[in-house]
Amino acid sequence: MAVLAAWRVTHLLASEDGPADLVVRFRARLGEGLIGKLMDCFQCLSLWIAAPAALYVSRKPVDWLFTWLALSGAACLCGLLVGARGWRRRSH
């Protein structure tokens, strides 16, 4: 579940317009700065999204570290699989 949640939130923030274009407007407002560039990079963003998700799965620091990296990696793999199937951002 944590893998799917990490992928879904990362995909929403990095690749979708969001409801009422809220996410795309948020990304535009962040601009070309460090955080704005982070929002455009699925792999980078997945690290930040996976960190709190890993806390849900594990509590010990060493377990958290490996869970964090595994969730981010799995989210990236899901992103590759979904991208290969042609699911792209839709504009409304």
PDB file of N, CA and C in Angstrom:
ATOM      1  N   MET A   1       0.823  -1.185   0.000  1.00  0.00           N
ATOM      2  CA  MET A   1       0.000   0.000   0.000  1.00  0.00           C
ATOM      3  C   MET A   1       0.872   1.256   0.000  1.00  0.00           C
ATOM      4  N   ALA A   2       1.946   1.216   0.788  1.00  0.00           N
ATOM      5  CA  ALA A   2       2.812   2.390   0.876  1.00  0.00           C
ATOM      6  C   ALA A   2       3.469   2.692  -0.476  1.00  0.00           C
ATOM      7  N   VAL A   3       3.811   1.657  -1.224  1.00  0.00           N
ATOM      8  CA  VAL A   3       4.406   1.863  -2.554  1.00  0.00           C
ATOM      9  C   VAL A   3       3.414   2.570  -3.465  1.00  0.00           C
ATOM     10  N   LEU A   4       2.186   2.084  -3.495  1.00  0.00           N
ATOM     11  CA  LEU A   4       1.174   2.701  -4.355  1.00  0.00           C
ATOM     12  C   LEU A   4       0.868   4.129  -3.921  1.00  0.00           C
ATOM     13  N   ALA A   5       0.827   4.351  -2.619  1.00  0.00           N
ATOM     14  CA  ALA A   5       0.581   5.708  -2.122  1.00  0.00           C
ATOM     15  C   ALA A   5       1.725   6.635  -2.508  1.00  0.00           C
ATOM     16  N   ALA A   6       2.960   6.173  -2.355  1.00  0.00           N
ATOM     17  CA  ALA A   6       4.115   7.001  -2.724  1.00  0.00           C
ATOM     18  C   ALA A   6       4.096   7.303  -4.219  1.00  0.00           C
ATOM     19  N   TRP A   7       3.808   6.283  -5.031  1.00  0.00           N
ATOM     20  CA  TRP A   7       3.738   6.525  -6.475  1.00  0.00           C
ATOM     21  C   TRP A   7       2.629   7.516  -6.813  1.00  0.00           C
ATOM     22  N   ARG A   8       1.449   7.318  -6.224  1.00  0.00           N
ATOM     23  CA  ARG A   8       0.292   8.151  -6.582  1.00  0.00           C
ATOM     24  C   ARG A   8       0.518   9.613  -6.239  1.00  0.00           C
ATOM     25  N   VAL A   9       1.004   9.876  -5.036  1.00  0.00           N
ATOM     26  CA  VAL A   9       1.235  11.264  -4.633  1.00  0.00           C
ATOM     27  C   VAL A   9       2.357  11.879  -5.470  1.00  0.00           C
ATOM     28  N   THR A  10       3.415  11.116  -5.712  1.00  0.00           N
ATOM     29  CA  THR A  10       4.516  11.632  -6.535  1.00  0.00           C
ATOM     30  C   THR A  10       4.031  11.934  -7.942  1.00  0.00           C
ATOM     31  N   HIS A  11       3.254  11.034  -8.519  1.00  0.00           N
ATOM     32  CA  HIS A  11       2.746  11.253  -9.881  1.00  0.00           C
ATOM     33  C   HIS A  11       1.838  12.479  -9.932  1.00  0.00           C
ATOM     34  N   LEU A  12       0.974  12.605  -8.938  1.00  0.00           N
ATOM     35  CA  LEU A  12       0.085  13.764  -8.889  1.00  0.00           C
ATOM     36  C   LEU A  12       0.882  15.060  -8.867  1.00  0.00           C
ATOM     37  N   LEU A  13       1.868  15.131  -7.989  1.00  0.00           N
ATOM     38  CA  LEU A  13       2.621  16.377  -7.837  1.00  0.00           C
ATOM     39  C   LEU A  13       3.563  16.667  -9.004  1.00  0.00           C
ATOM     40  N   ALA A  14       4.118  15.625  -9.615  1.00  0.00           N
ATOM     41  CA  ALA A  14       5.111  15.835 -10.677  1.00  0.00           C
ATOM     42  C   ALA A  14       4.519  15.877 -12.080  1.00  0.00           C
ATOM     43  N   SER A  15       3.382  15.211 -12.296  1.00  0.00           N
ATOM     44  CA  SER A  15       2.950  14.994 -13.680  1.00  0.00           C
ATOM     45  C   SER A  15       1.515  15.359 -14.002  1.00  0.00           C
ATOM     46  N   GLU A  16       0.723  15.711 -13.030  1.00  0.00           N
ATOM     47  CA  GLU A  16      -0.688  15.946 -13.303  1.00  0.00           C
ATOM     48  C   GLU A  16      -1.066  17.402 -13.063  1.00  0.00           C
ATOM     49  N   ASP A  17      -2.182  17.784 -13.642  1.00  0.00           N
ATOM     50  CA  ASP A  17      -2.695  19.142 -13.433  1.00  0.00           C
ATOM     51  C   ASP A  17      -3.402  19.268 -12.100  1.00  0.00           C
ATOM     52  N   GLY A  18      -3.998  18.184 -11.640  1.00  0.00           N
ATOM     53  CA  GLY A  18      -4.716  18.191 -10.375  1.00  0.00           C
ATOM     54  C   GLY A  18      -6.125  18.730 -10.530  1.00  0.00           C
ATOM     55  N   PRO A  19      -6.926  18.594  -9.479  1.00  0.00           N
ATOM     56  CA  PRO A  19      -8.295  19.102  -9.551  1.00  0.00           C
ATOM     57  C   PRO A  19      -8.295  20.620  -9.675  1.00  0.00           C
ATOM     58  N   ALA A  20      -9.079  21.105 -10.609  1.00  0.00           N
ATOM     59  CA  ALA A  20      -9.185  22.549 -10.877  1.00  0.00           C
ATOM     60  C   ALA A  20      -7.825  23.173 -11.175  1.00  0.00           C
ATOM     61  N   ASP A  21      -6.924  22.379 -11.746  1.00  0.00           N
ATOM     62  CA  ASP A  21      -5.568  22.831 -12.098  1.00  0.00           C
ATOM     63  C   ASP A  21      -4.772  23.355 -10.900  1.00  0.00           C
ATOM     64  N   LEU A  22      -5.112  22.931  -9.697  1.00  0.00           N
ATOM     65  CA  LEU A  22      -4.420  23.411  -8.506  1.00  0.00           C
ATOM     66  C   LEU A  22      -2.947  23.016  -8.487  1.00  0.00           C
ATOM     67  N   VAL A  23      -2.651  21.780  -8.871  1.00  0.00           N
ATOM     68  CA  VAL A  23      -1.271  21.303  -8.811  1.00  0.00           C
ATOM     69  C   VAL A  23      -0.418  21.997  -9.867  1.00  0.00           C
ATOM     70  N   VAL A  24      -0.915  22.124 -11.075  1.00  0.00           N
ATOM     71  CA  VAL A  24      -0.132  22.773 -12.125  1.00  0.00           C
ATOM     72  C   VAL A  24       0.102  24.252 -11.792  1.00  0.00           C
ATOM     73  N   ARG A  25      -0.875  24.897 -11.190  1.00  0.00           N
ATOM     74  CA  ARG A  25      -0.681  26.298 -10.776  1.00  0.00           C
ATOM     75  C   ARG A  25       0.326  26.393  -9.635  1.00  0.00           C
ATOM     76  N   PHE A  26       0.297  25.415  -8.723  1.00  0.00           N
ATOM     77  CA  PHE A  26       1.259  25.380  -7.623  1.00  0.00           C
ATOM     78  C   PHE A  26       2.676  25.216  -8.161  1.00  0.00           C
ATOM     79  N   ARG A  27       2.851  24.282  -9.126  1.00  0.00           N
ATOM     80  CA  ARG A  27       4.182  24.089  -9.732  1.00  0.00           C
ATOM     81  C   ARG A  27       4.639  25.352 -10.445  1.00  0.00           C
ATOM     82  N   ALA A  28       3.743  26.020 -11.148  1.00  0.00           N
ATOM     83  CA  ALA A  28       4.103  27.251 -11.863  1.00  0.00           C
ATOM     84  C   ALA A  28       4.503  28.343 -10.880  1.00  0.00           C
ATOM     85  N   ARG A  29       3.811  28.406  -9.768  1.00  0.00           N
ATOM     86  CA  ARG A  29       4.114  29.428  -8.760  1.00  0.00           C
ATOM     87  C   ARG A  29       5.497  29.206  -8.136  1.00  0.00           C
ATOM     88  N   LEU A  30       5.903  27.944  -8.027  1.00  0.00           N
ATOM     89  CA  LEU A  30       7.222  27.643  -7.464  1.00  0.00           C
ATOM     90  C   LEU A  30       8.344  28.065  -8.407  1.00  0.00           C
ATOM     91  N   GLY A  31       8.043  28.157  -9.688  1.00  0.00           N
ATOM     92  CA  GLY A  31       8.999  28.679 -10.665  1.00  0.00           C
ATOM     93  C   GLY A  31      10.171  27.762 -10.938  1.00  0.00           C
ATOM     94  N   GLU A  32      11.287  28.380 -11.274  1.00  0.00           N
ATOM     95  CA  GLU A  32      12.486  27.653 -11.681  1.00  0.00           C
ATOM     96  C   GLU A  32      13.490  27.493 -10.547  1.00  0.00           C
ATOM     97  N   GLY A  33      13.088  27.793  -9.330  1.00  0.00           N
ATOM     98  CA  GLY A  33      13.982  27.625  -8.187  1.00  0.00           C
ATOM     99  C   GLY A  33      14.184  26.160  -7.847  1.00  0.00           C
ATOM    100  N   LEU A  34      14.892  25.920  -6.758  1.00  0.00           N
ATOM    101  CA  LEU A  34      15.204  24.558  -6.342  1.00  0.00           C
ATOM    102  C   LEU A  34      13.943  23.727  -6.125  1.00  0.00           C
ATOM    103  N   ILE A  35      12.974  24.265  -5.416  1.00  0.00           N
ATOM    104  CA  ILE A  35      11.751  23.504  -5.143  1.00  0.00           C
ATOM    105  C   ILE A  35      10.931  23.324  -6.416  1.00  0.00           C
ATOM    106  N   GLY A  36      10.910  24.320  -7.280  1.00  0.00           N
ATOM    107  CA  GLY A  36      10.201  24.191  -8.546  1.00  0.00           C
ATOM    108  C   GLY A  36      10.796  23.103  -9.420  1.00  0.00           C
ATOM    109  N   LYS A  37      12.112  23.021  -9.459  1.00  0.00           N
ATOM    110  CA  LYS A  37      12.771  21.959 -10.234  1.00  0.00           C
ATOM    111  C   LYS A  37      12.527  20.601  -9.607  1.00  0.00           C
ATOM    112  N   LEU A  38      12.476  20.552  -8.267  1.00  0.00           N
ATOM    113  CA  LEU A  38      12.189  19.302  -7.577  1.00  0.00           C
ATOM    114  C   LEU A  38      10.816  18.776  -7.975  1.00  0.00           C
ATOM    115  N   MET A  39       9.852  19.644  -8.134  1.00  0.00           N
ATOM    116  CA  MET A  39       8.494  19.243  -8.483  1.00  0.00           C
ATOM    117  C   MET A  39       8.407  18.693  -9.910  1.00  0.00           C
ATOM    118  N   ASP A  40       9.384  18.985 -10.738  1.00  0.00           N
ATOM    119  CA  ASP A  40       9.382  18.494 -12.117  1.00  0.00           C
ATOM    120  C   ASP A  40      10.113  17.164 -12.270  1.00  0.00           C
ATOM    121  N   CYS A  41      10.817  16.734 -11.236  1.00  0.00           N
ATOM    122  CA  CYS A  41      11.620  15.507 -11.316  1.00  0.00           C
ATOM    123  C   CYS A  41      10.942  14.396 -10.509  1.00  0.00           C
ATOM    124  N   PHE A  42      10.387  13.420 -11.195  1.00  0.00           N
ATOM    125  CA  PHE A  42       9.674  12.334 -10.521  1.00  0.00           C
ATOM    126  C   PHE A  42      10.585  11.607  -9.541  1.00  0.00           C
ATOM    127  N   GLN A  43      11.792  11.267  -9.962  1.00  0.00           N
ATOM    128  CA  GLN A  43      12.695  10.510  -9.109  1.00  0.00           C
ATOM    129  C   GLN A  43      13.082  11.299  -7.856  1.00  0.00           C
ATOM    130  N   CYS A  44      13.385  12.575  -8.012  1.00  0.00           N
ATOM    131  CA  CYS A  44      13.742  13.413  -6.859  1.00  0.00           C
ATOM    132  C   CYS A  44      12.561  13.556  -5.907  1.00  0.00           C
ATOM    133  N   LEU A  45      11.407  13.830  -6.456  1.00  0.00           N
ATOM    134  CA  LEU A  45      10.214  14.031  -5.641  1.00  0.00           C
ATOM    135  C   LEU A  45       9.816  12.753  -4.915  1.00  0.00           C
ATOM    136  N   SER A  46      10.044  11.600  -5.552  1.00  0.00           N
ATOM    137  CA  SER A  46       9.676  10.340  -4.901  1.00  0.00           C
ATOM    138  C   SER A  46      10.454  10.116  -3.612  1.00  0.00           C
ATOM    139  N   LEU A  47      11.682  10.610  -3.543  1.00  0.00           N
ATOM    140  CA  LEU A  47      12.449  10.494  -2.298  1.00  0.00           C
ATOM    141  C   LEU A  47      11.769  11.241  -1.164  1.00  0.00           C
ATOM    142  N   TRP A  48      11.285  12.442  -1.446  1.00  0.00           N
ATOM    143  CA  TRP A  48      10.647  13.255  -0.412  1.00  0.00           C
ATOM    144  C   TRP A  48       9.278  12.713  -0.036  1.00  0.00           C
ATOM    145  N   ILE A  49       8.566  12.163  -0.974  1.00  0.00           N
ATOM    146  CA  ILE A  49       7.250  11.598  -0.693  1.00  0.00           C
ATOM    147  C   ILE A  49       7.394  10.280   0.066  1.00  0.00           C
ATOM    148  N   ALA A  50       8.405   9.494  -0.276  1.00  0.00           N
ATOM    149  CA  ALA A  50       8.598   8.192   0.363  1.00  0.00           C
ATOM    150  C   ALA A  50       9.069   8.309   1.814  1.00  0.00           C
ATOM    151  N   ALA A  51       9.705   9.405   2.180  1.00  0.00           N
ATOM    152  CA  ALA A  51      10.244   9.542   3.544  1.00  0.00           C
ATOM    153  C   ALA A  51       9.154   9.440   4.614  1.00  0.00           C
ATOM    154  N   PRO A  52       8.080  10.242   4.545  1.00  0.00           N
ATOM    155  CA  PRO A  52       7.046  10.076   5.576  1.00  0.00           C
ATOM    156  C   PRO A  52       6.266   8.768   5.423  1.00  0.00           C
ATOM    157  N   ALA A  53       6.143   8.266   4.200  1.00  0.00           N
ATOM    158  CA  ALA A  53       5.466   6.980   4.006  1.00  0.00           C
ATOM    159  C   ALA A  53       6.244   5.858   4.688  1.00  0.00           C
ATOM    160  N   ALA A  54       7.556   5.955   4.679  1.00  0.00           N
ATOM    161  CA  ALA A  54       8.396   4.944   5.327  1.00  0.00           C
ATOM    162  C   ALA A  54       8.193   4.948   6.845  1.00  0.00           C
ATOM    163  N   LEU A  55       7.888   6.101   7.406  1.00  0.00           N
ATOM    164  CA  LEU A  55       7.599   6.171   8.845  1.00  0.00           C
ATOM    165  C   LEU A  55       6.342   5.380   9.194  1.00  0.00           C
ATOM    166  N   TYR A  56       5.417   5.325   8.290  1.00  0.00           N
ATOM    167  CA  TYR A  56       4.190   4.570   8.501  1.00  0.00           C
ATOM    168  C   TYR A  56       4.474   3.067   8.525  1.00  0.00           C
ATOM    169  N   VAL A  57       5.452   2.655   7.728  1.00  0.00           N
ATOM    170  CA  VAL A  57       5.759   1.235   7.587  1.00  0.00           C
ATOM    171  C   VAL A  57       6.723   0.748   8.663  1.00  0.00           C
ATOM    172  N   SER A  58       7.702   1.557   9.040  1.00  0.00           N
ATOM    173  CA  SER A  58       8.733   1.120   9.987  1.00  0.00           C
ATOM    174  C   SER A  58       9.050   2.218  10.994  1.00  0.00           C
ATOM    175  N   ARG A  59       9.522   1.811  12.143  1.00  0.00           N
ATOM    176  CA  ARG A  59       9.837   2.766  13.203  1.00  0.00           C
ATOM    177  C   ARG A  59      11.320   2.812  13.553  1.00  0.00           C
ATOM    178  N   LYS A  60      12.037   1.711  13.392  1.00  0.00           N
ATOM    179  CA  LYS A  60      13.463   1.680  13.722  1.00  0.00           C
ATOM    180  C   LYS A  60      14.245   2.449  12.663  1.00  0.00           C
ATOM    181  N   PRO A  61      15.249   3.233  13.074  1.00  0.00           N
ATOM    182  CA  PRO A  61      15.987   4.070  12.107  1.00  0.00           C
ATOM    183  C   PRO A  61      16.581   3.300  10.925  1.00  0.00           C
ATOM    184  N   VAL A  62      17.206   2.174  11.175  1.00  0.00           N
ATOM    185  CA  VAL A  62      17.809   1.418  10.070  1.00  0.00           C
ATOM    186  C   VAL A  62      16.718   0.864   9.161  1.00  0.00           C
ATOM    187  N   ASP A  63      15.643   0.342   9.760  1.00  0.00           N
ATOM    188  CA  ASP A  63      14.520  -0.150   8.955  1.00  0.00           C
ATOM    189  C   ASP A  63      13.919   0.985   8.141  1.00  0.00           C
ATOM    190  N   TRP A  64      13.789   2.163   8.758  1.00  0.00           N
ATOM    191  CA  TRP A  64      13.222   3.319   8.065  1.00  0.00           C
ATOM    192  C   TRP A  64      14.067   3.687   6.847  1.00  0.00           C
ATOM    193  N   LEU A  65      15.394   3.680   7.003  1.00  0.00           N
ATOM    194  CA  LEU A  65      16.280   4.053   5.899  1.00  0.00           C
ATOM    195  C   LEU A  65      16.071   3.141   4.690  1.00  0.00           C
ATOM    196  N   PHE A  66      16.082   1.840   4.936  1.00  0.00           N
ATOM    197  CA  PHE A  66      15.916   0.909   3.821  1.00  0.00           C
ATOM    198  C   PHE A  66      14.496   0.947   3.254  1.00  0.00           C
ATOM    199  N   THR A  67      13.518   1.133   4.125  1.00  0.00           N
ATOM    200  CA  THR A  67      12.133   1.242   3.660  1.00  0.00           C
ATOM    201  C   THR A  67      11.962   2.498   2.818  1.00  0.00           C
ATOM    202  N   TRP A  68      12.550   3.592   3.241  1.00  0.00           N
ATOM    203  CA  TRP A  68      12.492   4.865   2.506  1.00  0.00           C
ATOM    204  C   TRP A  68      13.027   4.686   1.089  1.00  0.00           C
ATOM    205  N   LEU A  69      14.226   4.108   0.990  1.00  0.00           N
ATOM    206  CA  LEU A  69      14.829   3.919  -0.333  1.00  0.00           C
ATOM    207  C   LEU A  69      14.042   2.919  -1.177  1.00  0.00           C
ATOM    208  N   ALA A  70      13.531   1.868  -0.538  1.00  0.00           N
ATOM    209  CA  ALA A  70      12.746   0.871  -1.275  1.00  0.00           C
ATOM    210  C   ALA A  70      11.444   1.471  -1.795  1.00  0.00           C
ATOM    211  N   LEU A  71      10.771   2.277  -0.980  1.00  0.00           N
ATOM    212  CA  LEU A  71       9.529   2.899  -1.430  1.00  0.00           C
ATOM    213  C   LEU A  71       9.778   3.850  -2.593  1.00  0.00           C
ATOM    214  N   SER A  72      10.829   4.637  -2.498  1.00  0.00           N
ATOM    215  CA  SER A  72      11.154   5.553  -3.591  1.00  0.00           C
ATOM    216  C   SER A  72      11.493   4.774  -4.861  1.00  0.00           C
ATOM    217  N   GLY A  73      12.303   3.743  -4.725  1.00  0.00           N
ATOM    218  CA  GLY A  73      12.658   2.926  -5.884  1.00  0.00           C
ATOM    219  C   GLY A  73      11.460   2.246  -6.507  1.00  0.00           C
ATOM    220  N   ALA A  74      10.584   1.714  -5.664  1.00  0.00           N
ATOM    221  CA  ALA A  74       9.379   1.056  -6.175  1.00  0.00           C
ATOM    222  C   ALA A  74       8.456   2.062  -6.852  1.00  0.00           C
ATOM    223  N   ALA A  75       8.350   3.264  -6.293  1.00  0.00           N
ATOM    224  CA  ALA A  75       7.533   4.309  -6.929  1.00  0.00           C
ATOM    225  C   ALA A  75       8.108   4.651  -8.305  1.00  0.00           C
ATOM    226  N   CYS A  76       9.427   4.714  -8.403  1.00  0.00           N
ATOM    227  CA  CYS A  76      10.067   4.992  -9.700  1.00  0.00           C
ATOM    228  C   CYS A  76       9.798   3.867 -10.693  1.00  0.00           C
ATOM    229  N   LEU A  77       9.863   2.621 -10.231  1.00  0.00           N
ATOM    230  CA  LEU A  77       9.548   1.499 -11.116  1.00  0.00           C
ATOM    231  C   LEU A  77       8.094   1.553 -11.583  1.00  0.00           C
ATOM    232  N   CYS A  78       7.186   1.875 -10.668  1.00  0.00           N
ATOM    233  CA  CYS A  78       5.779   2.038 -11.061  1.00  0.00           C
ATOM    234  C   CYS A  78       5.644   3.140 -12.099  1.00  0.00           C
ATOM    235  N   GLY A  79       6.390   4.230 -11.901  1.00  0.00           N
ATOM    236  CA  GLY A  79       6.364   5.327 -12.864  1.00  0.00           C
ATOM    237  C   GLY A  79       6.831   4.889 -14.237  1.00  0.00           C
ATOM    238  N   LEU A  80       7.867   4.064 -14.279  1.00  0.00           N
ATOM    239  CA  LEU A  80       8.345   3.542 -15.560  1.00  0.00           C
ATOM    240  C   LEU A  80       7.303   2.634 -16.207  1.00  0.00           C
ATOM    241  N   LEU A  81       6.699   1.773 -15.419  1.00  0.00           N
ATOM    242  CA  LEU A  81       5.686   0.867 -15.962  1.00  0.00           C
ATOM    243  C   LEU A  81       4.477   1.630 -16.484  1.00  0.00           C
ATOM    244  N   VAL A  82       4.026   2.597 -15.738  1.00  0.00           N
ATOM    245  CA  VAL A  82       2.872   3.383 -16.168  1.00  0.00           C
ATOM    246  C   VAL A  82       3.229   4.222 -17.392  1.00  0.00           C
ATOM    247  N   GLY A  83       4.422   4.801 -17.390  1.00  0.00           N
ATOM    248  CA  GLY A  83       4.873   5.592 -18.535  1.00  0.00           C
ATOM    249  C   GLY A  83       4.975   4.758 -19.795  1.00  0.00           C
ATOM    250  N   ALA A  84       5.401   3.509 -19.642  1.00  0.00           N
ATOM    251  CA  ALA A  84       5.524   2.616 -20.794  1.00  0.00           C
ATOM    252  C   ALA A  84       4.160   2.253 -21.369  1.00  0.00           C
ATOM    253  N   ARG A  85       3.118   2.329 -20.548  1.00  0.00           N
ATOM    254  CA  ARG A  85       1.778   1.985 -21.010  1.00  0.00           C
ATOM    255  C   ARG A  85       1.063   3.186 -21.601  1.00  0.00           C
ATOM    256  N   GLY A  86       1.698   4.360 -21.559  1.00  0.00           N
ATOM    257  CA  GLY A  86       1.128   5.508 -22.249  1.00  0.00           C
ATOM    258  C   GLY A  86       0.215   6.408 -21.426  1.00  0.00           C
ATOM    259  N   TRP A  87       0.217   6.260 -20.099  1.00  0.00           N
ATOM    260  CA  TRP A  87      -0.615   7.149 -19.281  1.00  0.00           C
ATOM    261  C   TRP A  87       0.074   8.479 -19.151  1.00  0.00           C
ATOM    262  N   ARG A  88      -0.495   9.479 -19.705  1.00  0.00           N
ATOM    263  CA  ARG A  88       0.104  10.817 -19.727  1.00  0.00           C
ATOM    264  C   ARG A  88      -0.838  11.810 -19.071  1.00  0.00           C
ATOM    265  N   ARG A  89      -0.299  12.963 -18.790  1.00  0.00           N
ATOM    266  CA  ARG A  89      -1.079  14.045 -18.201  1.00  0.00           C
ATOM    267  C   ARG A  89      -2.173  14.475 -19.164  1.00  0.00           C
ATOM    268  N   ARG A  90      -3.353  14.656 -18.634  1.00  0.00           N
ATOM    269  CA  ARG A  90      -4.468  15.127 -19.450  1.00  0.00           C
ATOM    270  C   ARG A  90      -4.802  16.552 -19.063  1.00  0.00           C
ATOM    271  N   SER A  91      -5.040  17.369 -20.029  1.00  0.00           N
ATOM    272  CA  SER A  91      -5.494  18.735 -19.773  1.00  0.00           C
ATOM    273  C   SER A  91      -6.998  18.767 -19.928  1.00  0.00           C
ATOM    274  N   HIS A  92      -7.643  19.503 -19.042  1.00  0.00           N
ATOM    275  CA  HIS A  92      -9.106  19.620 -19.101  1.00  0.00           C
ATOM    276  C   HIS A  92      -9.495  20.986 -19.570  1.00  0.00           C
TER     277      HIS A  92
END
